[in-house]
Every structure is written in C-alpha cells, then in structure tokens.
C-alpha cells in the first residue's frame, strides 16, 4: 500500500563488482546509457530540488485509510491462520504426496 506521493527517505545507492568480473561490461553499458540519456542529471536535479523546497505539512491519516490498512492486515492474518490449521489438520503423508 502506497500512501505517499513523495519519497520518504532518499538513500545513495552504489554497486560494487569484483575486479575483472564477467558482469563489468554489461554494467558499464547500462551506466553509460543512463548517463547519455540524462537520467543521472535528472536524479541529481530532483534530489537538489527536493532538499531546497520547504517541507509541506504532514498529511493526516483519516479513518477510511486506517480501516483499509487494518482490513488488509486482517486478511493476511486470516490466510496465515487457515494455512497453519491446514498444516496441522492434514496428515503428513498426504501432504508429502502433493509435493
């Protein structure tokens, strides 16, 4: 579930390869393409713009959003409980035959 329009936390990412790795040419090709298309400049520009803009007031979480989150959580717990009960109820030799 995605409630925010903006990135909450911006973290730098790096990729390290072993010396003389077989993946180096492919990674270099992708990085070169990103540089040539201007993606890196765009990301740097957006990062600088995000840091320079004043923070907007936080959006309030209303009751329908809260209910939908707990409904999704409840469905997940219900599915987990059903799966657990099936594992207990069904004989082990029957479950092994299904694999």
N, C-alpha and C. Protein backbone atom coordinates (compact mmCIF):
# COMPACT_ATOMS: atom_id res chain seq x y z
N UNK A 1 0.85 -1.16 0.00
CA UNK A 1 0.00 0.00 0.00
C UNK A 1 0.90 1.23 0.00
N UNK A 2 0.65 2.14 -0.89
CA UNK A 2 1.48 3.33 -1.04
C UNK A 2 0.63 4.56 -0.74
N UNK A 3 0.92 5.24 0.37
CA UNK A 3 0.13 6.40 0.77
C UNK A 3 0.81 7.72 0.41
N UNK A 4 2.11 7.70 0.19
CA UNK A 4 2.84 8.94 -0.06
C UNK A 4 3.07 9.14 -1.55
N UNK A 5 3.02 10.40 -1.97
CA UNK A 5 3.34 10.73 -3.35
C UNK A 5 4.84 10.95 -3.52
N UNK A 6 5.52 11.32 -2.43
CA UNK A 6 6.95 11.62 -2.50
C UNK A 6 7.76 10.54 -1.81
N UNK A 7 9.03 10.54 -2.10
CA UNK A 7 9.96 9.62 -1.46
C UNK A 7 10.16 10.06 -0.01
N UNK A 8 10.03 9.13 0.93
CA UNK A 8 10.17 9.48 2.34
C UNK A 8 11.63 9.59 2.71
N UNK A 9 12.43 8.64 2.28
CA UNK A 9 13.85 8.62 2.61
C UNK A 9 14.63 8.46 1.32
N UNK A 10 15.62 9.32 1.14
CA UNK A 10 16.48 9.23 -0.04
C UNK A 10 17.84 8.71 0.39
N UNK A 11 18.22 7.55 -0.14
CA UNK A 11 19.48 6.94 0.22
C UNK A 11 20.36 6.76 -1.02
N UNK A 12 21.64 7.01 -0.88
CA UNK A 12 22.53 6.77 -2.03
C UNK A 12 22.68 5.27 -2.27
N UNK A 13 22.84 4.92 -3.53
CA UNK A 13 22.98 3.51 -3.90
C UNK A 13 24.27 3.36 -4.68
N UNK A 14 24.99 2.29 -4.41
CA UNK A 14 26.21 2.02 -5.16
C UNK A 14 26.22 0.54 -5.52
N UNK A 15 26.99 0.23 -6.53
CA UNK A 15 27.10 -1.14 -7.00
C UNK A 15 28.57 -1.49 -7.07
N UNK A 16 28.97 -2.52 -6.38
CA UNK A 16 30.36 -2.94 -6.39
C UNK A 16 30.52 -4.27 -7.09
N UNK A 17 31.48 -4.36 -7.96
CA UNK A 17 31.77 -5.60 -8.66
C UNK A 17 33.20 -6.03 -8.34
N UNK A 18 33.41 -7.32 -8.40
CA UNK A 18 34.76 -7.84 -8.19
C UNK A 18 35.65 -7.44 -9.37
N UNK A 19 36.93 -7.35 -9.11
CA UNK A 19 37.88 -7.00 -10.16
C UNK A 19 37.82 -8.03 -11.28
N UNK A 20 37.79 -7.56 -12.51
CA UNK A 20 37.69 -8.41 -13.71
C UNK A 20 36.45 -9.30 -13.70
N UNK A 21 35.34 -8.76 -13.20
CA UNK A 21 34.09 -9.51 -13.16
C UNK A 21 33.53 -9.68 -14.57
N UNK A 22 32.82 -10.76 -14.79
CA UNK A 22 32.22 -11.00 -16.10
C UNK A 22 31.05 -10.05 -16.35
N UNK A 23 30.50 -9.47 -15.30
CA UNK A 23 29.37 -8.55 -15.43
C UNK A 23 29.78 -7.10 -15.71
N UNK A 24 31.05 -6.79 -15.60
CA UNK A 24 31.51 -5.41 -15.75
C UNK A 24 31.10 -4.79 -17.09
N UNK A 25 31.27 -5.45 -18.23
CA UNK A 25 30.87 -4.80 -19.49
C UNK A 25 29.37 -4.48 -19.56
N UNK A 26 28.54 -5.40 -19.07
CA UNK A 26 27.10 -5.14 -19.10
C UNK A 26 26.72 -3.99 -18.16
N UNK A 27 27.30 -3.97 -16.98
CA UNK A 27 27.00 -2.89 -16.03
C UNK A 27 27.49 -1.56 -16.59
N UNK A 28 28.68 -1.55 -17.17
CA UNK A 28 29.21 -0.32 -17.77
C UNK A 28 28.29 0.19 -18.88
N UNK A 29 27.76 -0.73 -19.67
CA UNK A 29 26.86 -0.34 -20.76
C UNK A 29 25.59 0.32 -20.21
N UNK A 30 25.02 -0.25 -19.16
CA UNK A 30 23.80 0.30 -18.58
C UNK A 30 24.07 1.66 -17.94
N UNK A 31 25.19 1.79 -17.23
CA UNK A 31 25.53 3.06 -16.60
C UNK A 31 25.80 4.12 -17.66
N UNK A 32 26.49 3.75 -18.73
CA UNK A 32 26.77 4.70 -19.81
C UNK A 32 25.47 5.18 -20.45
N UNK A 33 24.53 4.24 -20.67
CA UNK A 33 23.23 4.63 -21.24
C UNK A 33 22.49 5.60 -20.33
N UNK A 34 22.51 5.32 -19.02
CA UNK A 34 21.84 6.22 -18.07
C UNK A 34 22.46 7.61 -18.10
N UNK A 35 23.79 7.67 -18.20
CA UNK A 35 24.46 8.97 -18.29
C UNK A 35 24.11 9.68 -19.59
N UNK A 36 24.12 8.95 -20.70
CA UNK A 36 23.84 9.57 -22.00
C UNK A 36 22.40 10.05 -22.12
N UNK A 37 21.47 9.33 -21.50
CA UNK A 37 20.07 9.74 -21.57
C UNK A 37 19.74 10.87 -20.60
N UNK A 38 20.68 11.20 -19.73
CA UNK A 38 20.46 12.29 -18.80
C UNK A 38 19.74 11.90 -17.53
N UNK A 39 19.63 10.60 -17.29
CA UNK A 39 18.94 10.17 -16.08
C UNK A 39 19.68 10.57 -14.81
N UNK A 40 20.98 10.48 -14.83
CA UNK A 40 21.76 10.83 -13.63
C UNK A 40 21.61 12.31 -13.33
N UNK A 41 21.68 13.15 -14.37
CA UNK A 41 21.50 14.60 -14.16
C UNK A 41 20.09 14.89 -13.64
N UNK A 42 19.09 14.18 -14.16
CA UNK A 42 17.71 14.37 -13.70
C UNK A 42 17.58 13.98 -12.24
N UNK A 43 18.17 12.84 -11.87
CA UNK A 43 18.08 12.39 -10.47
C UNK A 43 18.78 13.38 -9.55
N UNK A 44 19.94 13.89 -9.97
CA UNK A 44 20.65 14.87 -9.14
C UNK A 44 19.85 16.16 -9.02
N UNK A 45 19.23 16.59 -10.12
CA UNK A 45 18.42 17.81 -10.10
C UNK A 45 17.22 17.64 -9.18
N UNK A 46 16.53 16.50 -9.28
CA UNK A 46 15.37 16.25 -8.41
C UNK A 46 15.78 16.16 -6.96
N UNK A 47 16.92 15.55 -6.68
CA UNK A 47 17.39 15.46 -5.30
C UNK A 47 17.71 16.83 -4.72
N UNK A 48 18.35 17.69 -5.53
CA UNK A 48 18.66 19.03 -5.06
C UNK A 48 17.39 19.85 -4.88
N UNK A 49 16.43 19.67 -5.79
CA UNK A 49 15.17 20.41 -5.68
C UNK A 49 14.39 19.96 -4.45
N UNK A 50 14.40 18.66 -4.17
CA UNK A 50 13.68 18.14 -3.02
C UNK A 50 14.26 18.67 -1.72
N UNK A 51 15.59 18.84 -1.68
CA UNK A 51 16.22 19.33 -0.47
C UNK A 51 16.00 20.83 -0.29
N UNK A 52 15.83 21.56 -1.40
CA UNK A 52 15.70 23.01 -1.29
C UNK A 52 14.26 23.45 -1.03
N UNK A 53 13.27 22.63 -1.34
CA UNK A 53 11.89 23.03 -1.12
C UNK A 53 11.52 22.87 0.34
N UNK A 54 10.72 23.82 0.87
CA UNK A 54 10.32 23.68 2.28
C UNK A 54 9.38 22.49 2.44
N UNK A 55 9.44 21.90 3.60
CA UNK A 55 8.62 20.72 3.83
C UNK A 55 7.16 21.11 3.96
N UNK A 56 6.30 20.34 3.32
CA UNK A 56 4.88 20.59 3.43
C UNK A 56 4.37 19.95 4.72
N UNK A 57 3.26 20.46 5.22
CA UNK A 57 2.74 19.87 6.46
C UNK A 57 2.35 18.41 6.22
N UNK A 58 2.52 17.57 7.21
CA UNK A 58 2.21 16.15 7.02
C UNK A 58 0.72 15.95 6.77
N UNK A 59 0.43 14.96 5.92
CA UNK A 59 -0.95 14.66 5.60
C UNK A 59 -1.55 13.83 6.73
N UNK A 60 -2.76 14.20 7.13
CA UNK A 60 -3.40 13.47 8.20
C UNK A 60 -3.93 12.14 7.69
N UNK A 61 -3.84 11.14 8.54
CA UNK A 61 -4.37 9.83 8.20
C UNK A 61 -5.81 9.80 8.72
N UNK A 62 -6.75 9.62 7.81
CA UNK A 62 -8.14 9.62 8.22
C UNK A 62 -8.64 8.20 8.48
N UNK A 63 -9.86 8.08 8.93
CA UNK A 63 -10.42 6.80 9.32
C UNK A 63 -10.52 5.80 8.18
N UNK A 64 -10.96 6.17 6.97
CA UNK A 64 -11.02 5.16 5.89
C UNK A 64 -9.65 4.57 5.54
N UNK A 65 -8.60 5.38 5.57
CA UNK A 65 -7.26 4.85 5.29
C UNK A 65 -6.84 3.86 6.38
N UNK A 66 -7.13 4.21 7.62
CA UNK A 66 -6.78 3.34 8.74
C UNK A 66 -7.55 2.02 8.67
N UNK A 67 -8.83 2.10 8.34
CA UNK A 67 -9.64 0.89 8.24
C UNK A 67 -9.13 -0.01 7.12
N UNK A 68 -8.76 0.58 5.98
CA UNK A 68 -8.28 -0.24 4.86
C UNK A 68 -6.96 -0.93 5.21
N UNK A 69 -6.10 -0.27 5.95
CA UNK A 69 -4.84 -0.89 6.35
C UNK A 69 -5.10 -2.08 7.27
N UNK A 70 -5.97 -1.89 8.25
CA UNK A 70 -6.26 -2.99 9.17
C UNK A 70 -7.05 -4.10 8.49
N UNK A 71 -7.86 -3.78 7.49
CA UNK A 71 -8.56 -4.82 6.74
C UNK A 71 -7.56 -5.69 5.99
N UNK A 72 -6.58 -5.08 5.34
CA UNK A 72 -5.55 -5.85 4.64
C UNK A 72 -4.75 -6.70 5.61
N UNK A 73 -4.44 -6.15 6.77
CA UNK A 73 -3.71 -6.90 7.79
C UNK A 73 -4.54 -8.08 8.29
N UNK A 74 -5.83 -7.87 8.47
CA UNK A 74 -6.72 -8.94 8.95
C UNK A 74 -6.83 -10.06 7.92
N UNK A 75 -6.91 -9.72 6.65
CA UNK A 75 -6.97 -10.74 5.60
C UNK A 75 -5.68 -11.57 5.61
N UNK A 76 -4.55 -10.93 5.76
CA UNK A 76 -3.28 -11.65 5.82
C UNK A 76 -3.22 -12.59 7.01
N UNK A 77 -3.68 -12.11 8.17
CA UNK A 77 -3.68 -12.97 9.36
C UNK A 77 -4.65 -14.14 9.19
N UNK A 78 -5.79 -13.90 8.57
CA UNK A 78 -6.76 -14.97 8.34
C UNK A 78 -6.19 -16.04 7.41
N UNK A 79 -5.54 -15.61 6.34
CA UNK A 79 -4.92 -16.59 5.42
C UNK A 79 -3.81 -17.38 6.11
N UNK A 80 -3.03 -16.71 6.94
CA UNK A 80 -1.96 -17.40 7.66
C UNK A 80 -2.54 -18.41 8.65
N UNK A 81 -3.60 -18.04 9.34
CA UNK A 81 -4.22 -18.95 10.30
C UNK A 81 -4.82 -20.17 9.59
N UNK A 82 -5.47 -19.95 8.44
CA UNK A 82 -6.03 -21.07 7.68
C UNK A 82 -4.93 -22.02 7.21
N UNK A 83 -3.84 -21.47 6.73
CA UNK A 83 -2.72 -22.29 6.28
C UNK A 83 -2.15 -23.10 7.44
N UNK A 84 -2.01 -22.46 8.59
CA UNK A 84 -1.47 -23.14 9.77
C UNK A 84 -2.40 -24.28 10.20
N UNK A 85 -3.71 -24.03 10.22
CA UNK A 85 -4.65 -25.07 10.61
C UNK A 85 -4.66 -26.23 9.61
N UNK A 86 -4.51 -25.93 8.32
CA UNK A 86 -4.42 -27.00 7.32
C UNK A 86 -3.18 -27.85 7.53
N UNK A 87 -2.08 -27.23 7.88
CA UNK A 87 -0.85 -27.99 8.11
C UNK A 87 -1.01 -28.92 9.31
N UNK A 88 -1.74 -28.48 10.31
CA UNK A 88 -1.95 -29.32 11.50
C UNK A 88 -2.97 -30.42 11.20
N UNK A 89 -4.05 -30.07 10.50
CA UNK A 89 -5.16 -31.00 10.31
C UNK A 89 -4.86 -32.10 9.32
N UNK A 90 -4.15 -31.79 8.25
CA UNK A 90 -3.92 -32.80 7.22
C UNK A 90 -2.77 -33.71 7.62
N UNK A 91 -2.92 -35.00 7.34
CA UNK A 91 -1.83 -35.93 7.67
C UNK A 91 -0.56 -35.59 6.88
N UNK A 92 0.55 -35.85 7.50
CA UNK A 92 1.82 -35.51 6.87
C UNK A 92 2.08 -36.33 5.61
N UNK A 93 1.71 -37.61 5.60
CA UNK A 93 1.95 -38.43 4.42
C UNK A 93 1.10 -37.96 3.24
N UNK A 94 -0.08 -37.41 3.49
CA UNK A 94 -0.92 -36.88 2.42
C UNK A 94 -0.30 -35.62 1.83
N UNK A 95 0.28 -34.77 2.68
CA UNK A 95 0.92 -33.54 2.21
C UNK A 95 2.19 -33.85 1.42
N UNK A 96 2.93 -34.91 1.81
CA UNK A 96 4.13 -35.26 1.07
C UNK A 96 3.80 -35.78 -0.32
N UNK A 97 2.67 -36.40 -0.49
CA UNK A 97 2.25 -36.90 -1.79
C UNK A 97 1.93 -35.78 -2.75
N UNK A 98 1.58 -34.61 -2.24
CA UNK A 98 1.24 -33.47 -3.10
C UNK A 98 2.49 -32.80 -3.66
N UNK A 99 3.62 -33.01 -2.99
CA UNK A 99 4.85 -32.38 -3.48
C UNK A 99 5.37 -33.21 -4.59
